[in-house]
Amino acid sequence: MSLMKQIEIDGKQVAFKASAAIPRIYRMKFQRDIYKDLKALEKSIVEGSEESSNLDMFSLEMFENIAFVMAKHADASIPDTPEEWLDGFNTFSIYQVLPQLIELWGLNVKTDVEAKKNFARQTVR
């Protein structure tokens, strides 16, 4: 099961997709754990407050990579690298996009956990 969400970036509607495949795709492409990276990003930002955030260059790169993987998963026609994909935009605020990606990922994980619970209940009966 997967979830999709349209997020406006630089005046364009961009599709993002969260599914069970995302951790594997992210790990294969960037040799990193998306769960750890999202948790670190979530801790680094205080929603709606750019002044009190704690994002360094590495955190920005993690965000760009996560956004790219989720966008590429939603639309295979986008470019094959984060750099090429980001070239299609002017600058945009991570503080507006990241919370929406975290929310999408959280909804996906919640849906997956509920589906497993329902399956377990059906099997036990």
PDB file of N, CA and C in Angstrom:
ATOM      1  N   MET A   1       0.841  -1.176   0.000  1.00  0.00           N
ATOM      2  CA  MET A   1       0.000   0.000   0.000  1.00  0.00           C
ATOM      3  C   MET A   1       0.883   1.235   0.000  1.00  0.00           C
ATOM      4  N   SER A   2       0.469   2.240  -0.721  1.00  0.00           N
ATOM      5  CA  SER A   2       1.251   3.470  -0.766  1.00  0.00           C
ATOM      6  C   SER A   2       0.322   4.667  -0.630  1.00  0.00           C
ATOM      7  N   LEU A   3       0.913   5.783  -0.260  1.00  0.00           N
ATOM      8  CA  LEU A   3       0.179   7.040  -0.143  1.00  0.00           C
ATOM      9  C   LEU A   3       0.855   8.077  -1.020  1.00  0.00           C
ATOM     10  N   MET A   4       0.050   8.941  -1.618  1.00  0.00           N
ATOM     11  CA  MET A   4       0.593  10.013  -2.459  1.00  0.00           C
ATOM     12  C   MET A   4       0.099  11.349  -1.934  1.00  0.00           C
ATOM     13  N   LYS A   5       0.893  12.371  -2.189  1.00  0.00           N
ATOM     14  CA  LYS A   5       0.525  13.728  -1.782  1.00  0.00           C
ATOM     15  C   LYS A   5       1.136  14.710  -2.769  1.00  0.00           C
ATOM     16  N   GLN A   6       0.362  15.717  -3.126  1.00  0.00           N
ATOM     17  CA  GLN A   6       0.851  16.819  -3.964  1.00  0.00           C
ATOM     18  C   GLN A   6       1.316  17.938  -3.033  1.00  0.00           C
ATOM     19  N   ILE A   7       2.527  18.409  -3.242  1.00  0.00           N
ATOM     20  CA  ILE A   7       3.075  19.508  -2.447  1.00  0.00           C
ATOM     21  C   ILE A   7       3.529  20.587  -3.413  1.00  0.00           C
ATOM     22  N   GLU A   8       3.173  21.815  -3.099  1.00  0.00           N
ATOM     23  CA  GLU A   8       3.585  22.929  -3.965  1.00  0.00           C
ATOM     24  C   GLU A   8       5.020  23.328  -3.641  1.00  0.00           C
ATOM     25  N   ILE A   9       5.851  23.306  -4.681  1.00  0.00           N
ATOM     26  CA  ILE A   9       7.240  23.741  -4.577  1.00  0.00           C
ATOM     27  C   ILE A   9       7.496  24.728  -5.700  1.00  0.00           C
ATOM     28  N   ASP A  10       7.902  25.928  -5.335  1.00  0.00           N
ATOM     29  CA  ASP A  10       8.236  26.953  -6.330  1.00  0.00           C
ATOM     30  C   ASP A  10       7.081  27.158  -7.310  1.00  0.00           C
ATOM     31  N   GLY A  11       5.852  27.140  -6.804  1.00  0.00           N
ATOM     32  CA  GLY A  11       4.681  27.383  -7.645  1.00  0.00           C
ATOM     33  C   GLY A  11       4.235  26.188  -8.478  1.00  0.00           C
ATOM     34  N   LYS A  12       4.896  25.046  -8.326  1.00  0.00           N
ATOM     35  CA  LYS A  12       4.544  23.840  -9.083  1.00  0.00           C
ATOM     36  C   LYS A  12       4.002  22.785  -8.134  1.00  0.00           C
ATOM     37  N   GLN A  13       3.000  22.029  -8.575  1.00  0.00           N
ATOM     38  CA  GLN A  13       2.505  20.892  -7.806  1.00  0.00           C
ATOM     39  C   GLN A  13       3.407  19.689  -8.090  1.00  0.00           C
ATOM     40  N   VAL A  14       4.009  19.150  -7.044  1.00  0.00           N
ATOM     41  CA  VAL A  14       4.926  18.021  -7.180  1.00  0.00           C
ATOM     42  C   VAL A  14       4.341  16.841  -6.416  1.00  0.00           C
ATOM     43  N   ALA A  15       4.281  15.691  -7.077  1.00  0.00           N
ATOM     44  CA  ALA A  15       3.758  14.481  -6.446  1.00  0.00           C
ATOM     45  C   ALA A  15       4.866  13.794  -5.658  1.00  0.00           C
ATOM     46  N   PHE A  16       4.514  13.320  -4.468  1.00  0.00           N
ATOM     47  CA  PHE A  16       5.408  12.542  -3.626  1.00  0.00           C
ATOM     48  C   PHE A  16       4.678  11.265  -3.239  1.00  0.00           C
ATOM     49  N   LYS A  17       5.422  10.162  -3.172  1.00  0.00           N
ATOM     50  CA  LYS A  17       4.819   8.877  -2.852  1.00  0.00           C
ATOM     51  C   LYS A  17       5.597   8.208  -1.727  1.00  0.00           C
ATOM     52  N   ALA A  18       4.855   7.721  -0.742  1.00  0.00           N
ATOM     53  CA  ALA A  18       5.451   6.962   0.360  1.00  0.00           C
ATOM     54  C   ALA A  18       4.917   5.545   0.296  1.00  0.00           C
ATOM     55  N   SER A  19       5.824   4.581   0.354  1.00  0.00           N
ATOM     56  CA  SER A  19       5.426   3.172   0.356  1.00  0.00           C
ATOM     57  C   SER A  19       6.515   2.365   1.042  1.00  0.00           C
ATOM     58  N   ALA A  20       6.275   1.082   1.174  1.00  0.00           N
ATOM     59  CA  ALA A  20       7.256   0.195   1.797  1.00  0.00           C
ATOM     60  C   ALA A  20       8.544   0.105   0.989  1.00  0.00           C
ATOM     61  N   ALA A  21       8.506   0.490  -0.273  1.00  0.00           N
ATOM     62  CA  ALA A  21       9.698   0.430  -1.122  1.00  0.00           C
ATOM     63  C   ALA A  21      10.678   1.575  -0.842  1.00  0.00           C
ATOM     64  N   ILE A  22      10.207   2.656  -0.270  1.00  0.00           N
ATOM     65  CA  ILE A  22      11.047   3.845  -0.076  1.00  0.00           C
ATOM     66  C   ILE A  22      12.310   3.553   0.750  1.00  0.00           C
ATOM     67  N   PRO A  23      12.238   2.875   1.895  1.00  0.00           N
ATOM     68  CA  PRO A  23      13.488   2.625   2.638  1.00  0.00           C
ATOM     69  C   PRO A  23      14.532   1.867   1.816  1.00  0.00           C
ATOM     70  N   ARG A  24      14.074   0.909   1.029  1.00  0.00           N
ATOM     71  CA  ARG A  24      15.005   0.129   0.192  1.00  0.00           C
ATOM     72  C   ARG A  24      15.603   0.997  -0.921  1.00  0.00           C
ATOM     73  N   ILE A  25      14.752   1.756  -1.594  1.00  0.00           N
ATOM     74  CA  ILE A  25      15.229   2.632  -2.677  1.00  0.00           C
ATOM     75  C   ILE A  25      16.242   3.627  -2.129  1.00  0.00           C
ATOM     76  N   TYR A  26      15.908   4.237  -1.005  1.00  0.00           N
ATOM     77  CA  TYR A  26      16.793   5.232  -0.375  1.00  0.00           C
ATOM     78  C   TYR A  26      18.123   4.592   0.025  1.00  0.00           C
ATOM     79  N   ARG A  27      18.057   3.408   0.633  1.00  0.00           N
ATOM     80  CA  ARG A  27      19.270   2.705   1.063  1.00  0.00           C
ATOM     81  C   ARG A  27      20.140   2.335  -0.135  1.00  0.00           C
ATOM     82  N   MET A  28      19.530   1.861  -1.215  1.00  0.00           N
ATOM     83  CA  MET A  28      20.294   1.473  -2.403  1.00  0.00           C
ATOM     84  C   MET A  28      20.931   2.684  -3.084  1.00  0.00           C
ATOM     85  N   LYS A  29      20.207   3.784  -3.111  1.00  0.00           N
ATOM     86  CA  LYS A  29      20.699   4.972  -3.823  1.00  0.00           C
ATOM     87  C   LYS A  29      21.740   5.743  -3.001  1.00  0.00           C
ATOM     88  N   PHE A  30      21.516   5.855  -1.674  1.00  0.00           N
ATOM     89  CA  PHE A  30      22.365   6.726  -0.861  1.00  0.00           C
ATOM     90  C   PHE A  30      23.118   6.001   0.259  1.00  0.00           C
ATOM     91  N   GLN A  31      22.939   4.677   0.387  1.00  0.00           N
ATOM     92  CA  GLN A  31      23.589   3.890   1.423  1.00  0.00           C
ATOM     93  C   GLN A  31      23.333   4.465   2.823  1.00  0.00           C
ATOM     94  N   ARG A  32      22.098   4.879   3.056  1.00  0.00           N
ATOM     95  CA  ARG A  32      21.715   5.456   4.348  1.00  0.00           C
ATOM     96  C   ARG A  32      20.357   4.906   4.763  1.00  0.00           C
ATOM     97  N   ASP A  33      20.034   5.056   6.036  1.00  0.00           N
ATOM     98  CA  ASP A  33      18.773   4.598   6.605  1.00  0.00           C
ATOM     99  C   ASP A  33      17.798   5.772   6.662  1.00  0.00           C
ATOM    100  N   ILE A  34      16.714   5.686   5.914  1.00  0.00           N
ATOM    101  CA  ILE A  34      15.755   6.791   5.847  1.00  0.00           C
ATOM    102  C   ILE A  34      15.082   7.042   7.195  1.00  0.00           C
ATOM    103  N   TYR A  35      14.888   5.998   7.986  1.00  0.00           N
ATOM    104  CA  TYR A  35      14.263   6.177   9.297  1.00  0.00           C
ATOM    105  C   TYR A  35      15.131   7.053  10.198  1.00  0.00           C
ATOM    106  N   LYS A  36      16.419   6.766  10.248  1.00  0.00           N
ATOM    107  CA  LYS A  36      17.348   7.560  11.055  1.00  0.00           C
ATOM    108  C   LYS A  36      17.450   8.986  10.518  1.00  0.00           C
ATOM    109  N   ASP A  37      17.515   9.113   9.193  1.00  0.00           N
ATOM    110  CA  ASP A  37      17.662  10.440   8.600  1.00  0.00           C
ATOM    111  C   ASP A  37      16.423  11.301   8.839  1.00  0.00           C
ATOM    112  N   LEU A  38      15.233  10.727   8.685  1.00  0.00           N
ATOM    113  CA  LEU A  38      14.011  11.497   8.944  1.00  0.00           C
ATOM    114  C   LEU A  38      13.913  11.898  10.409  1.00  0.00           C
ATOM    115  N   LYS A  39      14.304  11.002  11.292  1.00  0.00           N
ATOM    116  CA  LYS A  39      14.276  11.318  12.725  1.00  0.00           C
ATOM    117  C   LYS A  39      15.233  12.468  13.040  1.00  0.00           C
ATOM    118  N   ALA A  40      16.430  12.428  12.459  1.00  0.00           N
ATOM    119  CA  ALA A  40      17.408  13.499  12.670  1.00  0.00           C
ATOM    120  C   ALA A  40      16.899  14.828  12.124  1.00  0.00           C
ATOM    121  N   LEU A  41      16.273  14.794  10.946  1.00  0.00           N
ATOM    122  CA  LEU A  41      15.731  16.019  10.363  1.00  0.00           C
ATOM    123  C   LEU A  41      14.594  16.577  11.208  1.00  0.00           C
ATOM    124  N   GLU A  42      13.753  15.687  11.683  1.00  0.00           N
ATOM    125  CA  GLU A  42      12.623  16.118  12.510  1.00  0.00           C
ATOM    126  C   GLU A  42      13.107  16.808  13.778  1.00  0.00           C
ATOM    127  N   LYS A  43      14.181  16.276  14.382  1.00  0.00           N
ATOM    128  CA  LYS A  43      14.742  16.886  15.584  1.00  0.00           C
ATOM    129  C   LYS A  43      15.408  18.219  15.278  1.00  0.00           C
ATOM    130  N   SER A  44      15.920  18.373  14.059  1.00  0.00           N
ATOM    131  CA  SER A  44      16.678  19.568  13.691  1.00  0.00           C
ATOM    132  C   SER A  44      15.802  20.788  13.433  1.00  0.00           C
ATOM    133  N   ILE A  45      14.554  20.555  13.110  1.00  0.00           N
ATOM    134  CA  ILE A  45      13.703  21.704  12.806  1.00  0.00           C
ATOM    135  C   ILE A  45      12.648  21.884  13.879  1.00  0.00           C
ATOM    136  N   VAL A  46      12.310  23.122  14.099  1.00  0.00           N
ATOM    137  CA  VAL A  46      11.168  23.458  14.935  1.00  0.00           C
ATOM    138  C   VAL A  46      10.154  23.999  13.952  1.00  0.00           C
ATOM    139  N   GLU A  47       9.050  23.275  13.804  1.00  0.00           N
ATOM    140  CA  GLU A  47       8.080  23.591  12.760  1.00  0.00           C
ATOM    141  C   GLU A  47       7.729  25.077  12.756  1.00  0.00           C
ATOM    142  N   GLY A  48       7.873  25.666  11.565  1.00  0.00           N
ATOM    143  CA  GLY A  48       7.491  27.052  11.362  1.00  0.00           C
ATOM    144  C   GLY A  48       8.490  28.068  11.872  1.00  0.00           C
ATOM    145  N   SER A  49       9.643  27.644  12.346  1.00  0.00           N
ATOM    146  CA  SER A  49      10.595  28.585  12.907  1.00  0.00           C
ATOM    147  C   SER A  49      11.979  28.387  12.302  1.00  0.00           C
ATOM    148  N   GLU A  50      12.235  29.100  11.216  1.00  0.00           N
ATOM    149  CA  GLU A  50      13.536  28.990  10.558  1.00  0.00           C
ATOM    150  C   GLU A  50      14.661  29.496  11.458  1.00  0.00           C
ATOM    151  N   GLU A  51      14.362  30.491  12.295  1.00  0.00           N
ATOM    152  CA  GLU A  51      15.396  31.097  13.137  1.00  0.00           C
ATOM    153  C   GLU A  51      15.899  30.134  14.208  1.00  0.00           C
ATOM    154  N   SER A  52      15.005  29.290  14.735  1.00  0.00           N
ATOM    155  CA  SER A  52      15.411  28.411  15.828  1.00  0.00           C
ATOM    156  C   SER A  52      15.766  27.002  15.366  1.00  0.00           C
ATOM    157  N   SER A  53      15.863  26.801  14.058  1.00  0.00           N
ATOM    158  CA  SER A  53      16.194  25.466  13.565  1.00  0.00           C
ATOM    159  C   SER A  53      17.685  25.207  13.703  1.00  0.00           C
ATOM    160  N   ASN A  54      18.047  23.950  13.514  1.00  0.00           N
ATOM    161  CA  ASN A  54      19.432  23.545  13.679  1.00  0.00           C
ATOM    162  C   ASN A  54      19.878  22.726  12.465  1.00  0.00           C
ATOM    163  N   LEU A  55      19.613  23.222  11.257  1.00  0.00           N
ATOM    164  CA  LEU A  55      19.956  22.475  10.045  1.00  0.00           C
ATOM    165  C   LEU A  55      21.322  22.872   9.518  1.00  0.00           C
ATOM    166  N   ASP A  56      22.167  21.874   9.318  1.00  0.00           N
ATOM    167  CA  ASP A  56      23.465  22.125   8.713  1.00  0.00           C
ATOM    168  C   ASP A  56      23.412  21.684   7.248  1.00  0.00           C
ATOM    169  N   MET A  57      24.516  21.780   6.548  1.00  0.00           N
ATOM    170  CA  MET A  57      24.549  21.434   5.127  1.00  0.00           C
ATOM    171  C   MET A  57      24.242  19.948   4.906  1.00  0.00           C
ATOM    172  N   PHE A  58      24.720  19.089   5.796  1.00  0.00           N
ATOM    173  CA  PHE A  58      24.452  17.667   5.666  1.00  0.00           C
ATOM    174  C   PHE A  58      22.958  17.382   5.810  1.00  0.00           C
ATOM    175  N   SER A  59      22.300  18.080   6.732  1.00  0.00           N
ATOM    176  CA  SER A  59      20.859  17.917   6.919  1.00  0.00           C
ATOM    177  C   SER A  59      20.098  18.364   5.677  1.00  0.00           C
ATOM    178  N   LEU A  60      20.536  19.439   5.068  1.00  0.00           N
ATOM    179  CA  LEU A  60      19.893  19.912   3.839  1.00  0.00           C
ATOM    180  C   LEU A  60      20.031  18.883   2.726  1.00  0.00           C
ATOM    181  N   GLU A  61      21.196  18.265   2.639  1.00  0.00           N
ATOM    182  CA  GLU A  61      21.413  17.236   1.626  1.00  0.00           C
ATOM    183  C   GLU A  61      20.524  16.019   1.892  1.00  0.00           C
ATOM    184  N   MET A  62      20.385  15.635   3.163  1.00  0.00           N
ATOM    185  CA  MET A  62      19.484  14.518   3.504  1.00  0.00           C
ATOM    186  C   MET A  62      18.057  14.842   3.060  1.00  0.00           C
ATOM    187  N   PHE A  63      17.602  16.051   3.364  1.00  0.00           N
ATOM    188  CA  PHE A  63      16.256  16.459   2.955  1.00  0.00           C
ATOM    189  C   PHE A  63      16.096  16.368   1.442  1.00  0.00           C
ATOM    190  N   GLU A  64      17.058  16.915   0.709  1.00  0.00           N
ATOM    191  CA  GLU A  64      16.988  16.885  -0.758  1.00  0.00           C
ATOM    192  C   GLU A  64      16.928  15.454  -1.279  1.00  0.00           C
ATOM    193  N   ASN A  65      17.720  14.563  -0.688  1.00  0.00           N
ATOM    194  CA  ASN A  65      17.734  13.164  -1.121  1.00  0.00           C
ATOM    195  C   ASN A  65      16.410  12.463  -0.832  1.00  0.00           C
ATOM    196  N   ILE A  66      15.863  12.687   0.355  1.00  0.00           N
ATOM    197  CA  ILE A  66      14.580  12.077   0.723  1.00  0.00           C
ATOM    198  C   ILE A  66      13.470  12.599  -0.185  1.00  0.00           C
ATOM    199  N   ALA A  67      13.444  13.909  -0.394  1.00  0.00           N
ATOM    200  CA  ALA A  67      12.424  14.501  -1.266  1.00  0.00           C
ATOM    201  C   ALA A  67      12.545  13.944  -2.676  1.00  0.00           C
ATOM    202  N   PHE A  68      13.769  13.839  -3.163  1.00  0.00           N
ATOM    203  CA  PHE A  68      13.994  13.306  -4.507  1.00  0.00           C
ATOM    204  C   PHE A  68      13.471  11.871  -4.633  1.00  0.00           C
ATOM    205  N   VAL A  69      13.819  11.003  -3.684  1.00  0.00           N
ATOM    206  CA  VAL A  69      13.401   9.596  -3.750  1.00  0.00           C
ATOM    207  C   VAL A  69      11.882   9.493  -3.741  1.00  0.00           C
ATOM    208  N   MET A  70      11.230  10.268  -2.880  1.00  0.00           N
ATOM    209  CA  MET A  70       9.773  10.201  -2.796  1.00  0.00           C
ATOM    210  C   MET A  70       9.112  10.782  -4.049  1.00  0.00           C
ATOM    211  N   ALA A  71       9.716  11.797  -4.644  1.00  0.00           N
ATOM    212  CA  ALA A  71       9.169  12.378  -5.880  1.00  0.00           C
ATOM    213  C   ALA A  71       9.401  11.429  -7.059  1.00  0.00           C
ATOM    214  N   LYS A  72      10.574  10.846  -7.142  1.00  0.00           N
ATOM    215  CA  LYS A  72      10.896   9.910  -8.228  1.00  0.00           C
ATOM    216  C   LYS A  72      10.004   8.673  -8.139  1.00  0.00           C
ATOM    217  N   HIS A  73       9.697   8.244  -6.927  1.00  0.00           N
ATOM    218  CA  HIS A  73       8.820   7.097  -6.712  1.00  0.00           C
ATOM    219  C   HIS A  73       7.398   7.410  -7.209  1.00  0.00           C
ATOM    220  N   ALA A  74       7.008   8.663  -7.103  1.00  0.00           N
ATOM    221  CA  ALA A  74       5.673   9.078  -7.559  1.00  0.00           C
ATOM    222  C   ALA A  74       5.620   9.314  -9.058  1.00  0.00           C
ATOM    223  N   ASP A  75       6.751   9.749  -9.643  1.00  0.00           N
ATOM    224  CA  ASP A  75       6.767  10.133 -11.059  1.00  0.00           C
ATOM    225  C   ASP A  75       8.101   9.710 -11.674  1.00  0.00           C
ATOM    226  N   ALA A  76       8.108   8.588 -12.345  1.00  0.00           N
ATOM    227  CA  ALA A  76       9.342   8.038 -12.929  1.00  0.00           C
ATOM    228  C   ALA A  76       9.945   8.930 -14.013  1.00  0.00           C
ATOM    229  N   SER A  77       9.183   9.911 -14.511  1.00  0.00           N
ATOM    230  CA  SER A  77       9.693  10.754 -15.591  1.00  0.00           C
ATOM    231  C   SER A  77      10.607  11.883 -15.105  1.00  0.00           C
ATOM    232  N   ILE A  78      10.706  12.075 -13.790  1.00  0.00           N
ATOM    233  CA  ILE A  78      11.599  13.137 -13.330  1.00  0.00           C
ATOM    234  C   ILE A  78      13.046  12.702 -13.535  1.00  0.00           C
ATOM    235  N   PRO A  79      13.994  13.640 -13.552  1.00  0.00           N
ATOM    236  CA  PRO A  79      15.401  13.295 -13.800  1.00  0.00           C
ATOM    237  C   PRO A  79      15.925  12.244 -12.826  1.00  0.00           C
ATOM    238  N   ASP A  80      17.039  11.630 -13.177  1.00  0.00           N
ATOM    239  CA  ASP A  80      17.576  10.503 -12.426  1.00  0.00           C
ATOM    240  C   ASP A  80      18.495  10.861 -11.261  1.00  0.00           C
ATOM    241  N   THR A  81      18.805  12.131 -11.085  1.00  0.00           N
ATOM    242  CA  THR A  81      19.652  12.520  -9.954  1.00  0.00           C
ATOM    243  C   THR A  81      18.982  13.669  -9.195  1.00  0.00           C
ATOM    244  N   PRO A  82      19.275  13.781  -7.894  1.00  0.00           N
ATOM    245  CA  PRO A  82      18.714  14.896  -7.133  1.00  0.00           C
ATOM    246  C   PRO A  82      19.132  16.254  -7.704  1.00  0.00           C
ATOM    247  N   GLU A  83      20.367  16.321  -8.192  1.00  0.00           N
ATOM    248  CA  GLU A  83      20.863  17.601  -8.729  1.00  0.00           C
ATOM    249  C   GLU A  83      20.053  18.035  -9.944  1.00  0.00           C
ATOM    250  N   GLU A  84      19.813  17.099 -10.864  1.00  0.00           N
ATOM    251  CA  GLU A  84      19.019  17.427 -12.059  1.00  0.00           C
ATOM    252  C   GLU A  84      17.594  17.799 -11.682  1.00  0.00           C
ATOM    253  N   TRP A  85      17.027  17.064 -10.731  1.00  0.00           N
ATOM    254  CA  TRP A  85      15.659  17.337 -10.295  1.00  0.00           C
ATOM    255  C   TRP A  85      15.566  18.714  -9.656  1.00  0.00           C
ATOM    256  N   LEU A  86      16.514  19.038  -8.763  1.00  0.00           N
ATOM    257  CA  LEU A  86      16.494  20.331  -8.077  1.00  0.00           C
ATOM    258  C   LEU A  86      16.724  21.486  -9.039  1.00  0.00           C
ATOM    259  N   ASP A  87      17.419  21.232 -10.147  1.00  0.00           N
ATOM    260  CA  ASP A  87      17.630  22.271 -11.167  1.00  0.00           C
ATOM    261  C   ASP A  87      16.317  22.781 -11.755  1.00  0.00           C
ATOM    262  N   GLY A  88      15.252  22.012 -11.623  1.00  0.00           N
ATOM    263  CA  GLY A  88      13.954  22.414 -12.153  1.00  0.00           C
ATOM    264  C   GLY A  88      13.230  23.426 -11.283  1.00  0.00           C
ATOM    265  N   PHE A  89      13.809  23.796 -10.150  1.00  0.00           N
ATOM    266  CA  PHE A  89      13.174  24.734  -9.220  1.00  0.00           C
ATOM    267  C   PHE A  89      14.077  25.924  -8.963  1.00  0.00           C
ATOM    268  N   ASN A  90      13.456  27.036  -8.583  1.00  0.00           N
ATOM    269  CA  ASN A  90      14.196  28.121  -7.963  1.00  0.00           C
ATOM    270  C   ASN A  90      14.366  27.703  -6.501  1.00  0.00           C
ATOM    271  N   THR A  91      14.892  28.575  -5.680  1.00  0.00           N
ATOM    272  CA  THR A  91      15.030  28.217  -4.271  1.00  0.00           C
ATOM    273  C   THR A  91      13.647  28.069  -3.634  1.00  0.00           C
ATOM    274  N   PHE A  92      13.553  27.187  -2.659  1.00  0.00           N
ATOM    275  CA  PHE A  92      12.306  27.012  -1.916  1.00  0.00           C
ATOM    276  C   PHE A  92      12.654  26.677  -0.474  1.00  0.00           C
ATOM    277  N   SER A  93      11.676  26.837   0.394  1.00  0.00           N
ATOM    278  CA  SER A  93      11.918  26.668   1.817  1.00  0.00           C
ATOM    279  C   SER A  93      11.738  25.220   2.262  1.00  0.00           C
ATOM    280  N   ILE A  94      12.796  24.674   2.814  1.00  0.00           N
ATOM    281  CA  ILE A  94      12.742  23.336   3.398  1.00  0.00           C
ATOM    282  C   ILE A  94      11.706  23.309   4.521  1.00  0.00           C
ATOM    283  N   TYR A  95      11.518  24.439   5.197  1.00  0.00           N
ATOM    284  CA  TYR A  95      10.632  24.513   6.351  1.00  0.00           C
ATOM    285  C   TYR A  95       9.161  24.402   5.968  1.00  0.00           C
ATOM    286  N   GLN A  96       8.856  24.587   4.690  1.00  0.00           N
ATOM    287  CA  GLN A  96       7.484  24.414   4.215  1.00  0.00           C
ATOM    288  C   GLN A  96       7.272  23.007   3.666  1.00  0.00           C
ATOM    289  N   VAL A  97       8.301  22.417   3.084  1.00  0.00           N
ATOM    290  CA  VAL A  97       8.176  21.116   2.424  1.00  0.00           C
ATOM    291  C   VAL A  97       8.441  19.957   3.379  1.00  0.00           C
ATOM    292  N   LEU A  98       9.484  20.048   4.186  1.00  0.00           N
ATOM    293  CA  LEU A  98       9.875  18.940   5.051  1.00  0.00           C
ATOM    294  C   LEU A  98       8.754  18.478   5.993  1.00  0.00           C
ATOM    295  N   PRO A  99       8.061  19.378   6.686  1.00  0.00           N
ATOM    296  CA  PRO A  99       6.983  18.899   7.569  1.00  0.00           C
ATOM    297  C   PRO A  99       5.908  18.105   6.821  1.00  0.00           C
ATOM    298  N   GLN A 100       5.637  18.470   5.578  1.00  0.00           N
ATOM    299  CA  GLN A 100       4.640  17.744   4.787  1.00  0.00           C
ATOM    300  C   GLN A 100       5.154  16.361   4.389  1.00  0.00           C
ATOM    301  N   LEU A 101       6.444  16.252   4.082  1.00  0.00           N
ATOM    302  CA  LEU A 101       7.028  14.937   3.761  1.00  0.00           C
ATOM    303  C   LEU A 101       7.050  14.041   4.999  1.00  0.00           C
ATOM    304  N   ILE A 102       7.376  14.616   6.147  1.00  0.00           N
ATOM    305  CA  ILE A 102       7.382  13.851   7.396  1.00  0.00           C
ATOM    306  C   ILE A 102       5.966  13.373   7.706  1.00  0.00           C
ATOM    307  N   GLU A 103       4.984  14.229   7.494  1.00  0.00           N
ATOM    308  CA  GLU A 103       3.586  13.847   7.718  1.00  0.00           C
ATOM    309  C   GLU A 103       3.182  12.713   6.774  1.00  0.00           C
ATOM    310  N   LEU A 104       3.535  12.817   5.497  1.00  0.00           N
ATOM    311  CA  LEU A 104       3.221  11.775   4.524  1.00  0.00           C
ATOM    312  C   LEU A 104       3.863  10.457   4.941  1.00  0.00           C
ATOM    313  N   TRP A 105       5.132  10.494   5.336  1.00  0.00           N
ATOM    314  CA  TRP A 105       5.813   9.277   5.754  1.00  0.00           C
ATOM    315  C   TRP A 105       5.147   8.694   7.008  1.00  0.00           C
ATOM    316  N   GLY A 106       4.786   9.552   7.946  1.00  0.00           N
ATOM    317  CA  GLY A 106       4.124   9.095   9.165  1.00  0.00           C
ATOM    318  C   GLY A 106       2.790   8.436   8.881  1.00  0.00           C
ATOM    319  N   LEU A 107       2.021   8.986   7.943  1.00  0.00           N
ATOM    320  CA  LEU A 107       0.741   8.381   7.566  1.00  0.00           C
ATOM    321  C   LEU A 107       0.968   7.020   6.919  1.00  0.00           C
ATOM    322  N   ASN A 108       2.007   6.910   6.108  1.00  0.00           N
ATOM    323  CA  ASN A 108       2.330   5.643   5.456  1.00  0.00           C
ATOM    324  C   ASN A 108       2.701   4.581   6.490  1.00  0.00           C
ATOM    325  N   VAL A 109       3.529   4.938   7.437  1.00  0.00           N
ATOM    326  CA  VAL A 109       3.949   3.990   8.472  1.00  0.00           C
ATOM    327  C   VAL A 109       2.753   3.589   9.324  1.00  0.00           C
ATOM    328  N   LYS A 110       1.911   4.552   9.678  1.00  0.00           N
ATOM    329  CA  LYS A 110       0.713   4.270  10.487  1.00  0.00           C
ATOM    330  C   LYS A 110      -0.220   3.314   9.737  1.00  0.00           C
ATOM    331  N   THR A 111      -0.442   3.553   8.460  1.00  0.00           N
ATOM    332  CA  THR A 111      -1.302   2.694   7.653  1.00  0.00           C
ATOM    333  C   THR A 111      -0.739   1.280   7.606  1.00  0.00           C
ATOM    334  N   ASP A 112       0.580   1.155   7.462  1.00  0.00           N
ATOM    335  CA  ASP A 112       1.225  -0.151   7.401  1.00  0.00           C
ATOM    336  C   ASP A 112       1.061  -0.900   8.726  1.00  0.00           C
ATOM    337  N   VAL A 113       1.236  -0.205   9.848  1.00  0.00           N
ATOM    338  CA  VAL A 113       1.104  -0.836  11.161  1.00  0.00           C
ATOM    339  C   VAL A 113      -0.335  -1.293  11.380  1.00  0.00           C
ATOM    340  N   GLU A 114      -1.320  -0.456  11.022  1.00  0.00           N
ATOM    341  CA  GLU A 114      -2.723  -0.831  11.188  1.00  0.00           C
ATOM    342  C   GLU A 114      -3.072  -2.034  10.316  1.00  0.00           C
ATOM    343  N   ALA A 115      -2.539  -2.092   9.103  1.00  0.00           N
ATOM    344  CA  ALA A 115      -2.809  -3.225   8.221  1.00  0.00           C
ATOM    345  C   ALA A 115      -2.253  -4.512   8.823  1.00  0.00           C
ATOM    346  N   LYS A 116      -1.061  -4.454   9.415  1.00  0.00           N
ATOM    347  CA  LYS A 116      -0.464  -5.634  10.042  1.00  0.00           C
ATOM    348  C   LYS A 116      -1.295  -6.084  11.245  1.00  0.00           C
ATOM    349  N   LYS A 117      -1.793  -5.118  12.046  1.00  0.00           N
ATOM    350  CA  LYS A 117      -2.632  -5.456  13.197  1.00  0.00           C
ATOM    351  C   LYS A 117      -3.904  -6.161  12.738  1.00  0.00           C
ATOM    352  N   ASN A 118      -4.543  -5.625  11.705  1.00  0.00           N
ATOM    353  CA  ASN A 118      -5.769  -6.227  11.194  1.00  0.00           C
ATOM    354  C   ASN A 118      -5.510  -7.625  10.646  1.00  0.00           C
ATOM    355  N   PHE A 119      -4.394  -7.811   9.974  1.00  0.00           N
ATOM    356  CA  PHE A 119      -4.035  -9.123   9.436  1.00  0.00           C
ATOM    357  C   PHE A 119      -3.817 -10.118  10.586  1.00  0.00           C
ATOM    358  N   ALA A 120      -3.135  -9.673  11.623  1.00  0.00           N
ATOM    359  CA  ALA A 120      -2.875 -10.546  12.770  1.00  0.00           C
ATOM    360  C   ALA A 120      -4.180 -10.944  13.451  1.00  0.00           C
ATOM    361  N   ARG A 121      -5.102 -10.016  13.558  1.00  0.00           N
ATOM    362  CA  ARG A 121      -6.399 -10.329  14.167  1.00  0.00           C
ATOM    363  C   ARG A 121      -7.149 -11.361  13.340  1.00  0.00           C
ATOM    364  N   GLN A 122      -7.105 -11.212  12.031  1.00  0.00           N
ATOM    365  CA  GLN A 122      -7.809 -12.145  11.158  1.00  0.00           C
ATOM    366  C   GLN A 122      -7.198 -13.536  11.222  1.00  0.00           C
ATOM    367  N   THR A 123      -5.887 -13.615  11.366  1.00  0.00           N
ATOM    368  CA  THR A 123      -5.203 -14.903  11.382  1.00  0.00           C
ATOM    369  C   THR A 123      -5.453 -15.637  12.696  1.00  0.00           C
ATOM    370  N   VAL A 124      -5.547 -14.887  13.795  1.00  0.00           N
ATOM    371  CA  VAL A 124      -5.730 -15.482  15.109  1.00  0.00           C
ATOM    372  C   VAL A 124      -7.103 -16.105  15.258  1.00  0.00           C
ATOM    373  N   ARG A 125      -8.093 -15.479  14.696  1.00  0.00           N
ATOM    374  CA  ARG A 125      -9.486 -15.946  14.853  1.00  0.00           C
ATOM    375  C   ARG A 125      -9.703 -17.249  14.263  1.00  0.00           C
TER     376      ARG A 125
END
